[in-house]
PDB file of N, CA and C in Angstrom:
ATOM      1  N   MET A   1      94.578 127.767 117.778  1.00  0.00           N
ATOM      2  CA  MET A   1      93.534 127.466 116.817  1.00  0.00           C
ATOM      3  C   MET A   1      92.255 127.189 117.594  1.00  0.00           C
ATOM      4  N   SER A   2      91.173 127.738 117.135  1.00  0.00           N
ATOM      5  CA  SER A   2      89.928 127.656 117.891  1.00  0.00           C
ATOM      6  C   SER A   2      89.277 126.281 117.828  1.00  0.00           C
ATOM      7  N   GLU A   3      88.826 125.891 116.669  1.00  0.00           N
ATOM      8  CA  GLU A   3      88.098 124.628 116.544  1.00  0.00           C
ATOM      9  C   GLU A   3      88.789 123.727 115.535  1.00  0.00           C
ATOM     10  N   GLY A   4      89.016 122.493 115.943  1.00  0.00           N
ATOM     11  CA  GLY A   4      89.707 121.570 115.055  1.00  0.00           C
ATOM     12  C   GLY A   4      88.750 120.677 114.298  1.00  0.00           C
ATOM     13  N   ILE A   5      88.997 120.546 113.016  1.00  0.00           N
ATOM     14  CA  ILE A   5      88.231 119.644 112.164  1.00  0.00           C
ATOM     15  C   ILE A   5      89.014 118.351 111.989  1.00  0.00           C
ATOM     16  N   ILE A   6      90.313 118.496 111.947  1.00  0.00           N
ATOM     17  CA  ILE A   6      91.213 117.377 111.692  1.00  0.00           C
ATOM     18  C   ILE A   6      91.429 116.570 112.968  1.00  0.00           C
ATOM     19  N   VAL A   7      91.392 115.251 112.839  1.00  0.00           N
ATOM     20  CA  VAL A   7      91.623 114.357 113.973  1.00  0.00           C
ATOM     21  C   VAL A   7      93.099 113.931 113.948  1.00  0.00           C
ATOM     22  N   LYS A   8      93.845 114.375 114.949  1.00  0.00           N
ATOM     23  CA  LYS A   8      95.285 114.129 114.994  1.00  0.00           C
ATOM     24  C   LYS A   8      95.621 112.642 114.956  1.00  0.00           C
ATOM     25  N   ALA A   9      94.830 111.829 115.610  1.00  0.00           N
ATOM     26  CA  ALA A   9      95.086 110.383 115.630  1.00  0.00           C
ATOM     27  C   ALA A   9      94.990 109.790 114.224  1.00  0.00           C
ATOM     28  N   LYS A  10      94.086 110.324 113.405  1.00  0.00           N
ATOM     29  CA  LYS A  10      93.927 109.825 112.031  1.00  0.00           C
ATOM     30  C   LYS A  10      95.132 110.221 111.177  1.00  0.00           C
ATOM     31  N   ILE A  11      95.674 111.418 111.423  1.00  0.00           N
ATOM     32  CA  ILE A  11      96.883 111.831 110.702  1.00  0.00           C
ATOM     33  C   ILE A  11      98.002 110.851 111.011  1.00  0.00           C
ATOM     34  N   LYS A  12      98.157 110.516 112.279  1.00  0.00           N
ATOM     35  CA  LYS A  12      99.219 109.591 112.684  1.00  0.00           C
ATOM     36  C   LYS A  12      99.008 108.210 112.080  1.00  0.00           C
ATOM     37  N   ASP A  13      97.761 107.787 111.941  1.00  0.00           N
ATOM     38  CA  ASP A  13      97.468 106.499 111.299  1.00  0.00           C
ATOM     39  C   ASP A  13      97.916 106.511 109.835  1.00  0.00           C
ATOM     40  N   ILE A  14      97.591 107.591 109.140  1.00  0.00           N
ATOM     41  CA  ILE A  14      97.916 107.687 107.722  1.00  0.00           C
ATOM     42  C   ILE A  14      99.416 107.870 107.506  1.00  0.00           C
ATOM     43  N   ALA A  15     100.056 108.627 108.403  1.00  0.00           N
ATOM     44  CA  ALA A  15     101.492 108.911 108.287  1.00  0.00           C
ATOM     45  C   ALA A  15     102.304 107.850 109.029  1.00  0.00           C
ATOM     46  N   SER A  16     101.833 106.639 108.994  1.00  0.00           N
ATOM     47  CA  SER A  16     102.481 105.534 109.686  1.00  0.00           C
ATOM     48  C   SER A  16     103.977 105.482 109.371  1.00  0.00           C
ATOM     49  N   GLY A  17     104.783 105.385 110.409  1.00  0.00           N
ATOM     50  CA  GLY A  17     106.224 105.324 110.245  1.00  0.00           C
ATOM     51  C   GLY A  17     106.889 106.691 110.284  1.00  0.00           C
ATOM     52  N   PHE A  18     106.089 107.748 110.395  1.00  0.00           N
ATOM     53  CA  PHE A  18     106.608 109.109 110.463  1.00  0.00           C
ATOM     54  C   PHE A  18     106.155 109.776 111.750  1.00  0.00           C
ATOM     55  N   SER A  19     106.979 110.665 112.254  1.00  0.00           N
ATOM     56  CA  SER A  19     106.556 111.516 113.365  1.00  0.00           C
ATOM     57  C   SER A  19     105.775 112.684 112.773  1.00  0.00           C
ATOM     58  N   VAL A  20     104.764 113.131 113.494  1.00  0.00           N
ATOM     59  CA  VAL A  20     103.930 114.237 113.019  1.00  0.00           C
ATOM     60  C   VAL A  20     104.044 115.379 114.018  1.00  0.00           C
ATOM     61  N   ALA A  21     104.599 116.501 113.565  1.00  0.00           N
ATOM     62  CA  ALA A  21     104.753 117.671 114.424  1.00  0.00           C
ATOM     63  C   ALA A  21     103.381 118.277 114.712  1.00  0.00           C
ATOM     64  N   SER A  22     103.226 118.849 115.890  1.00  0.00           N
ATOM     65  CA  SER A  22     101.933 119.422 116.270  1.00  0.00           C
ATOM     66  C   SER A  22     101.499 120.533 115.326  1.00  0.00           C
ATOM     67  N   GLU A  23     102.460 121.308 114.803  1.00  0.00           N
ATOM     68  CA  GLU A  23     102.071 122.390 113.900  1.00  0.00           C
ATOM     69  C   GLU A  23     101.559 121.876 112.553  1.00  0.00           C
ATOM     70  N   PHE A  24     101.876 120.625 112.209  1.00  0.00           N
ATOM     71  CA  PHE A  24     101.363 120.054 110.967  1.00  0.00           C
ATOM     72  C   PHE A  24      99.843 119.945 111.025  1.00  0.00           C
ATOM     73  N   SER A  25      99.325 119.406 112.111  1.00  0.00           N
ATOM     74  CA  SER A  25      97.870 119.247 112.211  1.00  0.00           C
ATOM     75  C   SER A  25      97.176 120.605 112.263  1.00  0.00           C
ATOM     76  N   GLU A  26      97.804 121.585 112.895  1.00  0.00           N
ATOM     77  CA  GLU A  26      97.227 122.933 112.938  1.00  0.00           C
ATOM     78  C   GLU A  26      97.195 123.553 111.546  1.00  0.00           C
ATOM     79  N   ALA A  27      98.277 123.392 110.787  1.00  0.00           N
ATOM     80  CA  ALA A  27      98.343 123.933 109.428  1.00  0.00           C
ATOM     81  C   ALA A  27      97.348 123.221 108.515  1.00  0.00           C
ATOM     82  N   LEU A  28      97.247 121.907 108.653  1.00  0.00           N
ATOM     83  CA  LEU A  28      96.302 121.140 107.849  1.00  0.00           C
ATOM     84  C   LEU A  28      94.871 121.565 108.162  1.00  0.00           C
ATOM     85  N   ASN A  29      94.576 121.759 109.430  1.00  0.00           N
ATOM     86  CA  ASN A  29      93.253 122.215 109.835  1.00  0.00           C
ATOM     87  C   ASN A  29      92.931 123.567 109.185  1.00  0.00           C
ATOM     88  N   GLY A  30      93.909 124.461 109.160  1.00  0.00           N
ATOM     89  CA  GLY A  30      93.710 125.771 108.537  1.00  0.00           C
ATOM     90  C   GLY A  30      93.406 125.659 107.052  1.00  0.00           C
ATOM     91  N   LYS A  31      94.118 124.780 106.366  1.00  0.00           N
ATOM     92  CA  LYS A  31      93.882 124.580 104.926  1.00  0.00           C
ATOM     93  C   LYS A  31      92.493 123.986 104.670  1.00  0.00           C
ATOM     94  N   VAL A  32      92.085 123.050 105.506  1.00  0.00           N
ATOM     95  CA  VAL A  32      90.762 122.439 105.346  1.00  0.00           C
ATOM     96  C   VAL A  32      89.675 123.485 105.579  1.00  0.00           C
ATOM     97  N   MET A  33      89.844 124.316 106.600  1.00  0.00           N
ATOM     98  CA  MET A  33      88.876 125.380 106.874  1.00  0.00           C
ATOM     99  C   MET A  33      88.774 126.318 105.668  1.00  0.00           C
ATOM    100  N   GLN A  34      89.914 126.673 105.088  1.00  0.00           N
ATOM    101  CA  GLN A  34      89.950 127.555 103.929  1.00  0.00           C
ATOM    102  C   GLN A  34      89.226 126.913 102.737  1.00  0.00           C
ATOM    103  N   LEU A  35      89.474 125.625 102.492  1.00  0.00           N
ATOM    104  CA  LEU A  35      88.804 124.914 101.404  1.00  0.00           C
ATOM    105  C   LEU A  35      87.285 124.901 101.588  1.00  0.00           C
ATOM    106  N   ILE A  36      86.852 124.679 102.808  1.00  0.00           N
ATOM    107  CA  ILE A  36      85.411 124.632 103.088  1.00  0.00           C
ATOM    108  C   ILE A  36      84.783 125.997 102.833  1.00  0.00           C
ATOM    109  N   LYS A  37      85.422 127.056 103.326  1.00  0.00           N
ATOM    110  CA  LYS A  37      84.883 128.408 103.132  1.00  0.00           C
ATOM    111  C   LYS A  37      84.837 128.786 101.657  1.00  0.00           C
ATOM    112  N   GLU A  38      85.893 128.461 100.910  1.00  0.00           N
ATOM    113  CA  GLU A  38      85.917 128.743  99.468  1.00  0.00           C
ATOM    114  C   GLU A  38      84.831 127.948  98.741  1.00  0.00           C
ATOM    115  N   SER A  39      84.618 126.721  99.148  1.00  0.00           N
ATOM    116  CA  SER A  39      83.583 125.887  98.537  1.00  0.00           C
ATOM    117  C   SER A  39      82.196 126.454  98.804  1.00  0.00           C
ATOM    118  N   CYS A  40      81.983 126.951 100.005  1.00  0.00           N
ATOM    119  CA  CYS A  40      80.691 127.569 100.340  1.00  0.00           C
ATOM    120  C   CYS A  40      80.453 128.811  99.492  1.00  0.00           C
ATOM    121  N   ARG A  41      81.483 129.621  99.306  1.00  0.00           N
ATOM    122  CA  ARG A  41      81.351 130.826  98.471  1.00  0.00           C
ATOM    123  C   ARG A  41      81.024 130.443  97.023  1.00  0.00           C
ATOM    124  N   ARG A  42      81.658 129.394  96.528  1.00  0.00           N
ATOM    125  CA  ARG A  42      81.410 128.958  95.156  1.00  0.00           C
ATOM    126  C   ARG A  42      79.981 128.444  94.999  1.00  0.00           C
ATOM    127  N   ALA A  43      79.524 127.661  95.969  1.00  0.00           N
ATOM    128  CA  ALA A  43      78.152 127.152  95.917  1.00  0.00           C
ATOM    129  C   ALA A  43      77.160 128.321  95.935  1.00  0.00           C
ATOM    130  N   GLU A  44      77.394 129.271  96.796  1.00  0.00           N
ATOM    131  CA  GLU A  44      76.506 130.435  96.895  1.00  0.00           C
ATOM    132  C   GLU A  44      76.514 131.229  95.585  1.00  0.00           C
ATOM    133  N   ALA A  45      77.695 131.404  94.986  1.00  0.00           N
ATOM    134  CA  ALA A  45      77.807 132.135  93.718  1.00  0.00           C
ATOM    135  C   ALA A  45      77.049 131.424  92.598  1.00  0.00           C
ATOM    136  N   ASN A  46      76.861 130.133  92.737  1.00  0.00           N
ATOM    137  CA  ASN A  46      76.123 129.349  91.744  1.00  0.00           C
ATOM    138  C   ASN A  46      74.664 129.148  92.137  1.00  0.00           C
ATOM    139  N   GLY A  47      74.211 129.899  93.138  1.00  0.00           N
ATOM    140  CA  GLY A  47      72.801 129.859  93.532  1.00  0.00           C
ATOM    141  C   GLY A  47      72.394 128.613  94.284  1.00  0.00           C
ATOM    142  N   ARG A  48      73.361 127.965  94.936  1.00  0.00           N
ATOM    143  CA  ARG A  48      73.058 126.741  95.689  1.00  0.00           C
ATOM    144  C   ARG A  48      73.326 126.935  97.162  1.00  0.00           C
ATOM    145  N   ARG A  49      72.616 126.180  97.968  1.00  0.00           N
ATOM    146  CA  ARG A  49      72.868 126.134  99.401  1.00  0.00           C
ATOM    147  C   ARG A  49      73.463 124.793  99.790  1.00  0.00           C
ATOM    148  N   THR A  50      73.812 123.995  98.795  1.00  0.00           N
ATOM    149  CA  THR A  50      74.425 122.698  99.009  1.00  0.00           C
ATOM    150  C   THR A  50      75.865 122.746  98.490  1.00  0.00           C
ATOM    151  N   VAL A  51      76.816 122.415  99.355  1.00  0.00           N
ATOM    152  CA  VAL A  51      78.207 122.363  98.952  1.00  0.00           C
ATOM    153  C   VAL A  51      78.463 120.972  98.380  1.00  0.00           C
ATOM    154  N   MET A  52      79.034 120.949  97.172  1.00  0.00           N
ATOM    155  CA  MET A  52      79.261 119.691  96.463  1.00  0.00           C
ATOM    156  C   MET A  52      80.753 119.497  96.189  1.00  0.00           C
ATOM    157  N   ALA A  53      81.103 118.292  95.825  1.00  0.00           N
ATOM    158  CA  ALA A  53      82.499 117.976  95.516  1.00  0.00           C
ATOM    159  C   ALA A  53      83.034 118.885  94.417  1.00  0.00           C
ATOM    160  N   LYS A  54      82.219 119.237  93.466  1.00  0.00           N
ATOM    161  CA  LYS A  54      82.660 120.100  92.373  1.00  0.00           C
ATOM    162  C   LYS A  54      83.011 121.504  92.846  1.00  0.00           C
ATOM    163  N   ASP A  55      82.633 121.882  94.056  1.00  0.00           N
ATOM    164  CA  ASP A  55      82.991 123.188  94.610  1.00  0.00           C
ATOM    165  C   ASP A  55      84.430 123.228  95.096  1.00  0.00           C
ATOM    166  N   LEU A  56      85.058 122.062  95.224  1.00  0.00           N
ATOM    167  CA  LEU A  56      86.458 122.019  95.597  1.00  0.00           C
ATOM    168  C   LEU A  56      87.322 122.402  94.426  1.00  0.00           C
TER     169      LEU A  56
END
């Protein structure tokens, strides 16, 4: 994976009491990247250059 958005240490904090496999953070990062790109497309389709919560 090229660039990570997700902070692995924060995942471990939230998943307290669980082990977190390395591929989990990679998969989560991929989903977040996909959500961001889809949100940008939606904002653009609505004539905006600002991505908002409603674009999720």
